[in-house]
Amino acid sequence: MTFSNTVSLTPPTFSLSIQFLGILSRWISKPFRMMDPLLVSMKRLIYLTAAQTKLPALHGSVQVDGPIVVVGTADIQIGLRSRISRDVELGTEENGKIKIGESVRINRGTTLFAYKEILIGDHTLIGEFVTVRDANHGIAPDQLVRAQGHDSKAITIGRDVWIGRGSVILPGVNIGDGCIIGANSVVTKSIEAGMIAVGTPAKPVRRR
């Protein structure tokens, strides 16, 4: 059966109300949109100030995009013009040090934790949710793992390196200048400069 006419189920007054609310919301949002760059700058200033309470030597040229977590001894250096996203965790324990070069980008959710040393060269990019830890628990069978000390080996990540989202960098690894590490890779051994490496464990697949 077909109908020759269609019937509107929306009362005209309701349609007019929706149109009016749409116009009104656009007018109200306009000044907020104009203020948005200022609000963003203010937020970054607040986040930078909060980070400087934990890292007093942090330079004003470092851009902090959100709350970051600093734990342990806070023996951490961050180079000029670097950018740290929200929810990044930076931790040092015992004699551990973290040294981040200039113009380094560390994306959200990344963890850097050092019991010995983590070095990151200039202009390096680290994707979201990357983990870089230079220590493991001891695993002697006659003791609880949690009761054993840490075995630490320094990690070096070179200049102009790109580490993809979700990757894990393990103790003792040296990633050479210009390397690219594919997303979700687990780097267990050092990677020669200029190589693209992917997989678990990460293996070089070709030169950049």
N, C-alpha and C. Protein backbone atom coordinates (compact mmCIF):
# COMPACT_ATOMS: atom_id res chain seq x y z
N MET A 1 0.85 -1.18 0.00
CA MET A 1 0.00 0.00 0.00
C MET A 1 0.89 1.23 0.00
N THR A 2 0.57 2.23 -0.79
CA THR A 2 1.34 3.46 -0.86
C THR A 2 0.48 4.64 -0.44
N PHE A 3 1.16 5.69 0.00
CA PHE A 3 0.46 6.90 0.42
C PHE A 3 0.89 8.04 -0.50
N SER A 4 -0.06 8.82 -0.90
CA SER A 4 0.25 9.91 -1.82
C SER A 4 0.80 11.12 -1.09
N ASN A 5 0.49 11.23 0.19
CA ASN A 5 0.95 12.38 0.96
C ASN A 5 1.76 11.92 2.16
N THR A 6 2.75 12.70 2.53
CA THR A 6 3.53 12.42 3.74
C THR A 6 3.11 13.38 4.83
N VAL A 7 3.18 12.89 6.05
CA VAL A 7 2.75 13.69 7.19
C VAL A 7 3.96 14.00 8.06
N SER A 8 4.19 15.24 8.39
CA SER A 8 5.30 15.64 9.26
C SER A 8 4.93 15.35 10.71
N LEU A 9 5.80 14.64 11.40
CA LEU A 9 5.58 14.33 12.81
C LEU A 9 6.19 15.36 13.73
N THR A 10 6.89 16.36 13.16
CA THR A 10 7.54 17.40 13.96
C THR A 10 6.70 18.67 13.93
N PRO A 11 6.19 19.11 15.06
CA PRO A 11 5.40 20.34 15.08
C PRO A 11 6.23 21.53 14.60
N PRO A 12 5.65 22.45 13.86
CA PRO A 12 6.40 23.62 13.36
C PRO A 12 7.09 24.40 14.47
N THR A 13 6.44 24.54 15.62
CA THR A 13 7.05 25.31 16.71
C THR A 13 8.31 24.65 17.22
N PHE A 14 8.33 23.30 17.21
CA PHE A 14 9.52 22.57 17.67
C PHE A 14 10.68 22.82 16.71
N SER A 15 10.43 22.77 15.42
CA SER A 15 11.48 23.01 14.41
C SER A 15 12.05 24.41 14.56
N LEU A 16 11.17 25.39 14.80
CA LEU A 16 11.64 26.76 14.97
C LEU A 16 12.50 26.88 16.22
N SER A 17 12.13 26.15 17.27
CA SER A 17 12.91 26.20 18.51
C SER A 17 14.31 25.65 18.30
N ILE A 18 14.41 24.54 17.55
CA ILE A 18 15.72 23.96 17.26
C ILE A 18 16.58 24.93 16.47
N GLN A 19 15.98 25.58 15.46
CA GLN A 19 16.73 26.54 14.65
C GLN A 19 17.21 27.72 15.50
N PHE A 20 16.33 28.19 16.37
CA PHE A 20 16.70 29.31 17.24
C PHE A 20 17.85 28.94 18.18
N LEU A 21 17.77 27.73 18.76
CA LEU A 21 18.83 27.29 19.67
C LEU A 21 20.16 27.15 18.93
N GLY A 22 20.10 26.67 17.67
CA GLY A 22 21.32 26.55 16.88
C GLY A 22 21.97 27.89 16.63
N ILE A 23 21.15 28.88 16.27
CA ILE A 23 21.67 30.23 16.03
C ILE A 23 22.23 30.83 17.32
N LEU A 24 21.48 30.66 18.41
CA LEU A 24 21.90 31.21 19.70
C LEU A 24 23.22 30.61 20.17
N SER A 25 23.35 29.28 20.03
CA SER A 25 24.58 28.62 20.48
C SER A 25 25.79 29.08 19.68
N ARG A 26 25.59 29.32 18.37
CA ARG A 26 26.72 29.81 17.56
C ARG A 26 27.16 31.20 18.02
N TRP A 27 26.19 32.07 18.35
CA TRP A 27 26.54 33.40 18.81
C TRP A 27 27.25 33.35 20.18
N ILE A 28 26.74 32.48 21.06
CA ILE A 28 27.36 32.37 22.39
C ILE A 28 28.77 31.81 22.29
N SER A 29 28.98 30.82 21.40
CA SER A 29 30.29 30.18 21.31
C SER A 29 31.34 31.05 20.63
N LYS A 30 30.89 32.07 19.88
CA LYS A 30 31.84 32.89 19.11
C LYS A 30 32.90 33.55 19.99
N PRO A 31 32.54 34.24 21.08
CA PRO A 31 33.61 34.84 21.91
C PRO A 31 34.53 33.80 22.54
N PHE A 32 33.97 32.61 22.88
CA PHE A 32 34.81 31.56 23.44
C PHE A 32 35.82 31.06 22.41
N ARG A 33 35.37 30.96 21.14
CA ARG A 33 36.30 30.55 20.08
C ARG A 33 37.40 31.58 19.90
N MET A 34 37.03 32.85 20.00
CA MET A 34 38.03 33.91 19.85
C MET A 34 39.03 33.89 21.01
N MET A 35 38.58 33.48 22.19
CA MET A 35 39.44 33.44 23.37
C MET A 35 40.27 32.15 23.45
N ASP A 36 39.95 31.17 22.61
CA ASP A 36 40.59 29.86 22.74
C ASP A 36 42.11 29.91 22.70
N PRO A 37 42.75 30.64 21.75
CA PRO A 37 44.23 30.69 21.76
C PRO A 37 44.79 31.22 23.08
N LEU A 38 44.11 32.24 23.67
CA LEU A 38 44.57 32.78 24.94
C LEU A 38 44.42 31.75 26.06
N LEU A 39 43.29 31.02 26.06
CA LEU A 39 43.06 30.00 27.08
C LEU A 39 44.10 28.89 26.98
N VAL A 40 44.44 28.49 25.74
CA VAL A 40 45.45 27.45 25.54
C VAL A 40 46.80 27.91 26.09
N SER A 41 47.16 29.17 25.80
CA SER A 41 48.44 29.71 26.30
C SER A 41 48.45 29.76 27.82
N MET A 42 47.33 30.13 28.41
CA MET A 42 47.25 30.20 29.87
C MET A 42 47.39 28.81 30.49
N LYS A 43 46.75 27.82 29.86
CA LYS A 43 46.86 26.45 30.37
C LYS A 43 48.30 25.97 30.32
N ARG A 44 48.98 26.25 29.20
CA ARG A 44 50.37 25.82 29.07
C ARG A 44 51.26 26.50 30.11
N LEU A 45 50.97 27.76 30.39
CA LEU A 45 51.73 28.46 31.43
C LEU A 45 51.52 27.80 32.79
N ILE A 46 50.28 27.44 33.06
CA ILE A 46 49.98 26.78 34.33
C ILE A 46 50.69 25.43 34.42
N TYR A 47 50.64 24.64 33.33
CA TYR A 47 51.28 23.33 33.34
C TYR A 47 52.80 23.45 33.45
N LEU A 48 53.37 24.45 32.77
CA LEU A 48 54.82 24.67 32.86
C LEU A 48 55.21 25.04 34.29
N THR A 49 54.43 25.93 34.90
CA THR A 49 54.72 26.34 36.28
C THR A 49 54.63 25.16 37.23
N ALA A 50 53.61 24.32 37.04
CA ALA A 50 53.46 23.13 37.88
C ALA A 50 54.65 22.20 37.71
N ALA A 51 55.11 22.03 36.45
CA ALA A 51 56.27 21.16 36.20
C ALA A 51 57.54 21.74 36.83
N GLN A 52 57.66 23.07 36.83
CA GLN A 52 58.85 23.71 37.41
C GLN A 52 58.92 23.55 38.92
N THR A 53 57.78 23.31 39.57
CA THR A 53 57.83 23.06 41.01
C THR A 53 58.52 21.73 41.30
N LYS A 54 58.47 20.80 40.34
CA LYS A 54 59.13 19.50 40.49
C LYS A 54 60.50 19.49 39.84
N LEU A 55 60.66 20.30 38.78
CA LEU A 55 61.93 20.38 38.04
C LEU A 55 62.30 21.86 37.96
N PRO A 56 62.91 22.42 39.00
CA PRO A 56 63.18 23.86 39.05
C PRO A 56 64.03 24.38 37.89
N ALA A 57 64.89 23.55 37.32
CA ALA A 57 65.76 24.00 36.23
C ALA A 57 65.08 23.99 34.87
N LEU A 58 63.82 23.59 34.82
CA LEU A 58 63.11 23.50 33.53
C LEU A 58 63.02 24.87 32.88
N HIS A 59 63.49 24.97 31.64
CA HIS A 59 63.56 26.25 30.94
C HIS A 59 62.17 26.67 30.44
N GLY A 60 61.96 27.96 30.39
CA GLY A 60 60.67 28.49 29.94
C GLY A 60 60.33 28.19 28.50
N SER A 61 61.32 27.79 27.68
CA SER A 61 61.04 27.47 26.28
C SER A 61 60.44 26.08 26.11
N VAL A 62 60.44 25.28 27.17
CA VAL A 62 59.86 23.94 27.10
C VAL A 62 58.34 24.07 27.15
N GLN A 63 57.67 23.40 26.22
CA GLN A 63 56.21 23.44 26.17
C GLN A 63 55.66 22.21 26.89
N VAL A 64 54.82 22.45 27.88
CA VAL A 64 54.19 21.36 28.64
C VAL A 64 52.69 21.43 28.36
N ASP A 65 52.15 20.39 27.73
CA ASP A 65 50.77 20.42 27.24
C ASP A 65 49.74 19.96 28.26
N GLY A 66 50.17 19.43 29.39
CA GLY A 66 49.22 18.95 30.38
C GLY A 66 49.95 18.48 31.61
N PRO A 67 49.22 17.93 32.56
CA PRO A 67 49.87 17.44 33.78
C PRO A 67 50.86 16.33 33.47
N ILE A 68 52.04 16.39 34.09
CA ILE A 68 53.02 15.32 33.96
C ILE A 68 53.33 14.79 35.36
N VAL A 69 53.86 13.58 35.41
CA VAL A 69 54.17 12.93 36.68
C VAL A 69 55.69 12.84 36.81
N VAL A 70 56.22 13.37 37.88
CA VAL A 70 57.65 13.28 38.17
C VAL A 70 57.80 12.55 39.50
N VAL A 71 58.52 11.42 39.49
CA VAL A 71 58.66 10.62 40.70
C VAL A 71 60.13 10.33 40.99
N GLY A 72 60.41 9.98 42.22
CA GLY A 72 61.77 9.61 42.61
C GLY A 72 62.64 10.81 42.89
N THR A 73 63.90 10.71 42.51
CA THR A 73 64.89 11.74 42.83
C THR A 73 64.83 12.95 41.91
N ALA A 74 64.11 12.84 40.80
CA ALA A 74 63.92 13.95 39.85
C ALA A 74 65.23 14.48 39.29
N ASP A 75 66.20 13.60 39.06
CA ASP A 75 67.45 13.99 38.41
C ASP A 75 67.22 13.97 36.90
N ILE A 76 66.58 15.01 36.41
CA ILE A 76 66.06 15.05 35.04
C ILE A 76 66.42 16.38 34.40
N GLN A 77 66.95 16.31 33.18
CA GLN A 77 67.25 17.51 32.39
C GLN A 77 66.45 17.45 31.09
N ILE A 78 65.81 18.57 30.76
CA ILE A 78 65.03 18.66 29.52
C ILE A 78 65.55 19.84 28.72
N GLY A 79 65.94 19.59 27.48
CA GLY A 79 66.56 20.62 26.65
C GLY A 79 65.61 21.69 26.16
N LEU A 80 66.18 22.77 25.66
CA LEU A 80 65.42 23.91 25.17
C LEU A 80 64.45 23.50 24.07
N ARG A 81 63.30 24.15 24.07
CA ARG A 81 62.28 24.03 23.01
C ARG A 81 61.71 22.61 22.88
N SER A 82 61.92 21.78 23.88
CA SER A 82 61.30 20.46 23.85
C SER A 82 59.82 20.61 24.20
N ARG A 83 59.05 19.56 23.87
CA ARG A 83 57.61 19.59 24.13
C ARG A 83 57.20 18.28 24.80
N ILE A 84 56.56 18.41 25.96
CA ILE A 84 56.14 17.26 26.74
C ILE A 84 54.61 17.25 26.82
N SER A 85 54.01 16.18 26.38
CA SER A 85 52.56 16.11 26.36
C SER A 85 52.02 15.70 27.73
N ARG A 86 50.71 15.62 27.84
CA ARG A 86 50.07 15.28 29.12
C ARG A 86 50.27 13.80 29.46
N ASP A 87 50.19 13.54 30.75
CA ASP A 87 50.25 12.17 31.28
C ASP A 87 51.57 11.47 31.00
N VAL A 88 52.63 12.23 30.78
CA VAL A 88 53.97 11.66 30.67
C VAL A 88 54.52 11.42 32.07
N GLU A 89 55.17 10.27 32.28
CA GLU A 89 55.78 9.95 33.58
C GLU A 89 57.30 9.94 33.43
N LEU A 90 57.96 10.72 34.26
CA LEU A 90 59.41 10.78 34.29
C LEU A 90 59.87 10.38 35.68
N GLY A 91 60.67 9.32 35.76
CA GLY A 91 61.08 8.84 37.07
C GLY A 91 62.55 8.47 37.11
N THR A 92 63.19 8.78 38.23
CA THR A 92 64.57 8.38 38.47
C THR A 92 64.68 7.85 39.89
N GLU A 93 65.41 6.77 40.05
CA GLU A 93 65.65 6.20 41.37
C GLU A 93 67.15 5.88 41.51
N GLU A 94 67.59 5.76 42.76
CA GLU A 94 68.99 5.46 43.08
C GLU A 94 69.89 6.47 42.38
N ASN A 95 70.80 6.05 41.51
CA ASN A 95 71.68 6.98 40.81
C ASN A 95 71.19 7.32 39.40
N GLY A 96 69.94 7.06 39.15
CA GLY A 96 69.41 7.23 37.80
C GLY A 96 69.33 8.68 37.35
N LYS A 97 69.54 8.88 36.04
CA LYS A 97 69.46 10.20 35.42
C LYS A 97 68.72 10.09 34.09
N ILE A 98 67.96 11.14 33.77
CA ILE A 98 67.34 11.27 32.45
C ILE A 98 67.81 12.58 31.85
N LYS A 99 68.36 12.50 30.63
CA LYS A 99 68.82 13.70 29.93
C LYS A 99 68.15 13.73 28.56
N ILE A 100 67.32 14.73 28.37
CA ILE A 100 66.55 14.89 27.13
C ILE A 100 67.13 16.08 26.38
N GLY A 101 67.42 15.90 25.11
CA GLY A 101 68.04 16.96 24.31
C GLY A 101 67.09 18.08 23.93
N GLU A 102 67.54 18.92 23.02
CA GLU A 102 66.76 20.06 22.57
C GLU A 102 65.75 19.66 21.49
N SER A 103 64.62 20.35 21.49
CA SER A 103 63.57 20.16 20.47
C SER A 103 63.11 18.70 20.38
N VAL A 104 63.01 18.06 21.51
CA VAL A 104 62.51 16.68 21.59
C VAL A 104 61.01 16.72 21.83
N ARG A 105 60.27 15.83 21.18
CA ARG A 105 58.81 15.74 21.36
C ARG A 105 58.48 14.41 22.02
N ILE A 106 57.86 14.48 23.21
CA ILE A 106 57.45 13.28 23.91
C ILE A 106 55.93 13.31 24.04
N ASN A 107 55.26 12.36 23.43
CA ASN A 107 53.80 12.36 23.39
C ASN A 107 53.18 11.72 24.62
N ARG A 108 51.88 11.86 24.71
CA ARG A 108 51.13 11.52 25.93
C ARG A 108 51.25 10.05 26.31
N GLY A 109 51.21 9.85 27.63
CA GLY A 109 51.20 8.49 28.15
C GLY A 109 52.53 7.78 28.14
N THR A 110 53.60 8.47 27.76
CA THR A 110 54.92 7.84 27.70
C THR A 110 55.56 7.79 29.09
N THR A 111 56.33 6.73 29.34
CA THR A 111 57.04 6.56 30.61
C THR A 111 58.53 6.44 30.36
N LEU A 112 59.31 7.27 31.03
CA LEU A 112 60.77 7.16 31.05
C LEU A 112 61.17 6.94 32.50
N PHE A 113 61.88 5.83 32.77
CA PHE A 113 62.25 5.53 34.15
C PHE A 113 63.68 5.01 34.19
N ALA A 114 64.51 5.69 34.96
CA ALA A 114 65.94 5.38 34.98
C ALA A 114 66.44 5.05 36.37
N TYR A 115 67.16 3.94 36.47
CA TYR A 115 67.95 3.62 37.65
C TYR A 115 69.43 3.90 37.38
N LYS A 116 69.78 4.01 36.10
CA LYS A 116 71.15 4.34 35.72
C LYS A 116 71.16 5.59 34.86
N GLU A 117 70.81 5.46 33.57
CA GLU A 117 70.81 6.65 32.71
C GLU A 117 70.01 6.40 31.44
N ILE A 118 69.19 7.39 31.08
CA ILE A 118 68.50 7.42 29.79
C ILE A 118 68.90 8.72 29.10
N LEU A 119 69.48 8.61 27.92
CA LEU A 119 69.88 9.77 27.13
C LEU A 119 69.05 9.82 25.85
N ILE A 120 68.52 10.99 25.52
CA ILE A 120 67.73 11.17 24.30
C ILE A 120 68.29 12.36 23.54
N GLY A 121 68.66 12.15 22.28
CA GLY A 121 69.29 13.19 21.47
C GLY A 121 68.33 14.23 20.96
N ASP A 122 68.89 15.31 20.41
CA ASP A 122 68.10 16.43 19.89
C ASP A 122 67.17 15.98 18.76
N HIS A 123 66.02 16.66 18.67
CA HIS A 123 65.07 16.53 17.56
C HIS A 123 64.44 15.13 17.45
N THR A 124 64.44 14.39 18.52
CA THR A 124 63.86 13.05 18.50
C THR A 124 62.37 13.13 18.83
N LEU A 125 61.59 12.25 18.21
CA LEU A 125 60.15 12.15 18.42
C LEU A 125 59.83 10.83 19.11
N ILE A 126 59.07 10.89 20.18
CA ILE A 126 58.65 9.68 20.88
C ILE A 126 57.13 9.66 20.91
N GLY A 127 56.55 8.62 20.33
CA GLY A 127 55.11 8.54 20.18
C GLY A 127 54.38 8.26 21.49
N GLU A 128 53.04 8.14 21.38
CA GLU A 128 52.22 7.93 22.56
C GLU A 128 52.47 6.55 23.19
N PHE A 129 52.41 6.52 24.51
CA PHE A 129 52.42 5.27 25.29
C PHE A 129 53.67 4.42 25.07
N VAL A 130 54.78 5.09 24.81
CA VAL A 130 56.08 4.41 24.73
C VAL A 130 56.62 4.20 26.14
N THR A 131 57.32 3.10 26.36
CA THR A 131 57.95 2.83 27.65
C THR A 131 59.46 2.67 27.45
N VAL A 132 60.23 3.45 28.19
CA VAL A 132 61.69 3.36 28.17
C VAL A 132 62.14 3.16 29.61
N ARG A 133 62.63 1.96 29.93
CA ARG A 133 63.08 1.64 31.30
C ARG A 133 64.45 0.99 31.22
N ASP A 134 65.37 1.49 32.03
CA ASP A 134 66.74 0.99 31.95
C ASP A 134 67.04 -0.08 33.00
N ALA A 135 66.02 -0.62 33.67
CA ALA A 135 66.28 -1.59 34.74
C ALA A 135 65.22 -2.69 34.76
N ASN A 136 65.64 -3.86 35.20
CA ASN A 136 64.74 -4.98 35.45
C ASN A 136 64.96 -5.51 36.86
N HIS A 137 63.95 -6.12 37.43
CA HIS A 137 64.13 -6.82 38.71
C HIS A 137 65.02 -8.05 38.52
N GLY A 138 65.75 -8.38 39.58
CA GLY A 138 66.44 -9.66 39.59
C GLY A 138 65.43 -10.81 39.56
N ILE A 139 65.84 -11.96 39.03
CA ILE A 139 64.91 -13.09 38.88
C ILE A 139 65.49 -14.38 39.47
N ALA A 140 66.35 -14.26 40.48
CA ALA A 140 66.89 -15.46 41.13
C ALA A 140 65.73 -16.31 41.67
N PRO A 141 65.76 -17.63 41.45
CA PRO A 141 64.62 -18.46 41.80
C PRO A 141 64.40 -18.66 43.29
N ASP A 142 65.39 -18.37 44.12
CA ASP A 142 65.26 -18.63 45.55
C ASP A 142 64.75 -17.40 46.32
N GLN A 143 64.34 -16.34 45.59
CA GLN A 143 63.81 -15.14 46.23
C GLN A 143 62.58 -14.65 45.48
N LEU A 144 61.73 -13.93 46.18
CA LEU A 144 60.63 -13.27 45.52
C LEU A 144 61.16 -12.21 44.54
N VAL A 145 60.57 -12.13 43.37
CA VAL A 145 61.00 -11.13 42.39
C VAL A 145 60.90 -9.73 42.98
N ARG A 146 59.80 -9.45 43.67
CA ARG A 146 59.60 -8.11 44.21
C ARG A 146 60.61 -7.74 45.29
N ALA A 147 61.27 -8.74 45.89
CA ALA A 147 62.24 -8.49 46.96
C ALA A 147 63.65 -8.31 46.43
N GLN A 148 63.84 -8.53 45.14
CA GLN A 148 65.18 -8.46 44.57
C GLN A 148 65.49 -7.07 44.03
N GLY A 149 66.76 -6.73 44.00
CA GLY A 149 67.19 -5.43 43.49
C GLY A 149 67.05 -5.33 41.99
N HIS A 150 67.45 -4.17 41.47
CA HIS A 150 67.34 -3.92 40.04
C HIS A 150 68.70 -4.10 39.35
N ASP A 151 68.64 -4.66 38.17
CA ASP A 151 69.80 -4.76 37.29
C ASP A 151 69.62 -3.71 36.21
N SER A 152 70.44 -2.67 36.21
CA SER A 152 70.24 -1.54 35.30
C SER A 152 71.37 -1.42 34.29
N LYS A 153 70.99 -1.02 33.07
CA LYS A 153 71.94 -0.76 31.99
C LYS A 153 71.45 0.48 31.24
N ALA A 154 72.35 1.40 30.98
CA ALA A 154 71.98 2.68 30.37
C ALA A 154 71.36 2.49 28.99
N ILE A 155 70.44 3.38 28.66
CA ILE A 155 69.78 3.41 27.35
C ILE A 155 70.16 4.72 26.66
N THR A 156 70.54 4.63 25.39
CA THR A 156 70.82 5.82 24.59
C THR A 156 69.95 5.82 23.35
N ILE A 157 69.22 6.90 23.16
CA ILE A 157 68.40 7.10 21.95
C ILE A 157 68.99 8.31 21.24
N GLY A 158 69.40 8.14 20.01
CA GLY A 158 70.17 9.16 19.31
C GLY A 158 69.38 10.36 18.84
N ARG A 159 70.03 11.12 17.99
CA ARG A 159 69.46 12.35 17.42
C ARG A 159 68.54 12.00 16.25
N ASP A 160 67.45 12.76 16.10
CA ASP A 160 66.54 12.61 14.96
C ASP A 160 66.00 11.18 14.85
N VAL A 161 65.62 10.62 15.98
CA VAL A 161 65.02 9.28 16.02
C VAL A 161 63.51 9.44 16.15
N TRP A 162 62.76 8.52 15.54
CA TRP A 162 61.31 8.49 15.69
C TRP A 162 60.94 7.12 16.24
N ILE A 163 60.37 7.13 17.45
CA ILE A 163 59.93 5.90 18.09
C ILE A 163 58.41 5.85 18.04
N GLY A 164 57.85 4.83 17.38
CA GLY A 164 56.42 4.75 17.16
C GLY A 164 55.62 4.42 18.40
N ARG A 165 54.36 4.70 18.33
CA ARG A 165 53.40 4.53 19.43
C ARG A 165 53.47 3.11 20.02
N GLY A 166 53.48 3.06 21.35
CA GLY A 166 53.37 1.79 22.04
C GLY A 166 54.63 0.95 22.09
N SER A 167 55.75 1.48 21.64
CA SER A 167 56.99 0.72 21.63
C SER A 167 57.58 0.62 23.04
N VAL A 168 58.42 -0.39 23.24
CA VAL A 168 59.09 -0.61 24.52
C VAL A 168 60.59 -0.69 24.26
N ILE A 169 61.37 0.11 24.98
CA ILE A 169 62.82 0.12 24.85
C ILE A 169 63.40 -0.47 26.14
N LEU A 170 64.16 -1.55 26.01
CA LEU A 170 64.64 -2.29 27.17
C LEU A 170 66.07 -1.90 27.57
N PRO A 171 66.51 -2.28 28.77
CA PRO A 171 67.83 -1.87 29.28
C PRO A 171 68.99 -2.25 28.36
N GLY A 172 69.98 -1.35 28.29
CA GLY A 172 71.20 -1.61 27.54
C GLY A 172 71.12 -1.32 26.07
N VAL A 173 69.97 -0.85 25.60
CA VAL A 173 69.79 -0.62 24.15
C VAL A 173 70.40 0.73 23.75
N ASN A 174 71.04 0.73 22.58
CA ASN A 174 71.53 1.96 21.95
C ASN A 174 70.85 2.08 20.60
N ILE A 175 70.02 3.10 20.42
CA ILE A 175 69.34 3.35 19.15
C ILE A 175 70.08 4.49 18.46
N GLY A 176 70.68 4.20 17.32
CA GLY A 176 71.54 5.16 16.65
C GLY A 176 70.80 6.34 16.06
N ASP A 177 71.55 7.38 15.69
CA ASP A 177 70.98 8.58 15.08
C ASP A 177 70.15 8.22 13.85
N GLY A 178 69.02 8.90 13.71
CA GLY A 178 68.22 8.77 12.50
C GLY A 178 67.39 7.51 12.39
N CYS A 179 67.32 6.70 13.42
CA CYS A 179 66.54 5.46 13.36
C CYS A 179 65.05 5.74 13.43
N ILE A 180 64.27 4.79 12.89
CA ILE A 180 62.82 4.78 13.06
C ILE A 180 62.44 3.44 13.64
N ILE A 181 61.68 3.47 14.74
CA ILE A 181 61.21 2.25 15.39
C ILE A 181 59.71 2.15 15.17
N GLY A 182 59.26 1.08 14.52
CA GLY A 182 57.85 0.92 14.20
C GLY A 182 56.97 0.80 15.43
N ALA A 183 55.70 1.16 15.28
CA ALA A 183 54.76 1.13 16.39
C ALA A 183 54.68 -0.26 17.02
N ASN A 184 54.55 -0.28 18.35
CA ASN A 184 54.39 -1.50 19.13
C ASN A 184 55.58 -2.45 19.06
N SER A 185 56.73 -1.95 18.68
CA SER A 185 57.94 -2.77 18.66
C SER A 185 58.52 -2.89 20.07
N VAL A 186 59.24 -4.00 20.31
CA VAL A 186 59.96 -4.19 21.56
C VAL A 186 61.44 -4.27 21.20
N VAL A 187 62.20 -3.25 21.61
CA VAL A 187 63.61 -3.16 21.23
C VAL A 187 64.45 -3.79 22.33
N THR A 188 65.01 -4.94 22.02
CA THR A 188 65.81 -5.69 23.01
C THR A 188 67.30 -5.59 22.75
N LYS A 189 67.67 -5.18 21.51
CA LYS A 189 69.08 -5.07 21.14
C LYS A 189 69.32 -3.75 20.43
N SER A 190 70.56 -3.30 20.42
CA SER A 190 70.92 -2.02 19.81
C SER A 190 70.63 -2.03 18.32
N ILE A 191 70.26 -0.84 17.80
CA ILE A 191 69.93 -0.66 16.39
C ILE A 191 70.92 0.32 15.77
N GLU A 192 71.52 -0.10 14.66
CA GLU A 192 72.51 0.74 13.97
C GLU A 192 71.87 2.02 13.46
N ALA A 193 72.66 3.09 13.41
CA ALA A 193 72.18 4.40 12.97
C ALA A 193 71.54 4.31 11.58
N GLY A 194 70.45 5.05 11.41
CA GLY A 194 69.82 5.19 10.11
C GLY A 194 68.94 4.04 9.69
N MET A 195 68.64 3.11 10.57
CA MET A 195 67.86 1.94 10.21
C MET A 195 66.40 2.09 10.64
N ILE A 196 65.52 1.43 9.89
CA ILE A 196 64.12 1.27 10.28
C ILE A 196 63.98 -0.13 10.86
N ALA A 197 63.48 -0.21 12.10
CA ALA A 197 63.36 -1.49 12.78
C ALA A 197 61.93 -1.67 13.28
N VAL A 198 61.41 -2.90 13.14
CA VAL A 198 60.04 -3.17 13.56
C VAL A 198 59.97 -4.56 14.18
N GLY A 199 58.92 -4.80 14.97
CA GLY A 199 58.63 -6.15 15.43
C GLY A 199 58.96 -6.39 16.89
N THR A 200 58.65 -7.63 17.31
CA THR A 200 58.91 -8.08 18.68
C THR A 200 59.64 -9.42 18.62
N PRO A 201 60.93 -9.44 18.85
CA PRO A 201 61.80 -8.28 19.11
C PRO A 201 62.05 -7.49 17.83
N ALA A 202 62.38 -6.20 17.99
CA ALA A 202 62.58 -5.34 16.83
C ALA A 202 63.83 -5.76 16.05
N LYS A 203 63.67 -5.81 14.71
CA LYS A 203 64.76 -6.13 13.83
C LYS A 203 64.82 -5.13 12.69
N PRO A 204 66.02 -4.74 12.26
CA PRO A 204 66.13 -3.80 11.13
C PRO A 204 65.55 -4.42 9.86
N VAL A 205 64.77 -3.63 9.12
CA VAL A 205 64.19 -4.11 7.87
C VAL A 205 64.78 -3.42 6.65
N ARG A 206 65.19 -2.19 6.81
CA ARG A 206 65.87 -1.49 5.71
C ARG A 206 66.46 -0.19 6.24
N ARG A 207 67.30 0.41 5.41
CA ARG A 207 67.90 1.68 5.80
C ARG A 207 66.94 2.81 5.45
N ARG A 208 66.92 3.80 6.30
CA ARG A 208 66.03 4.95 6.12
C ARG A 208 66.36 5.69 4.83
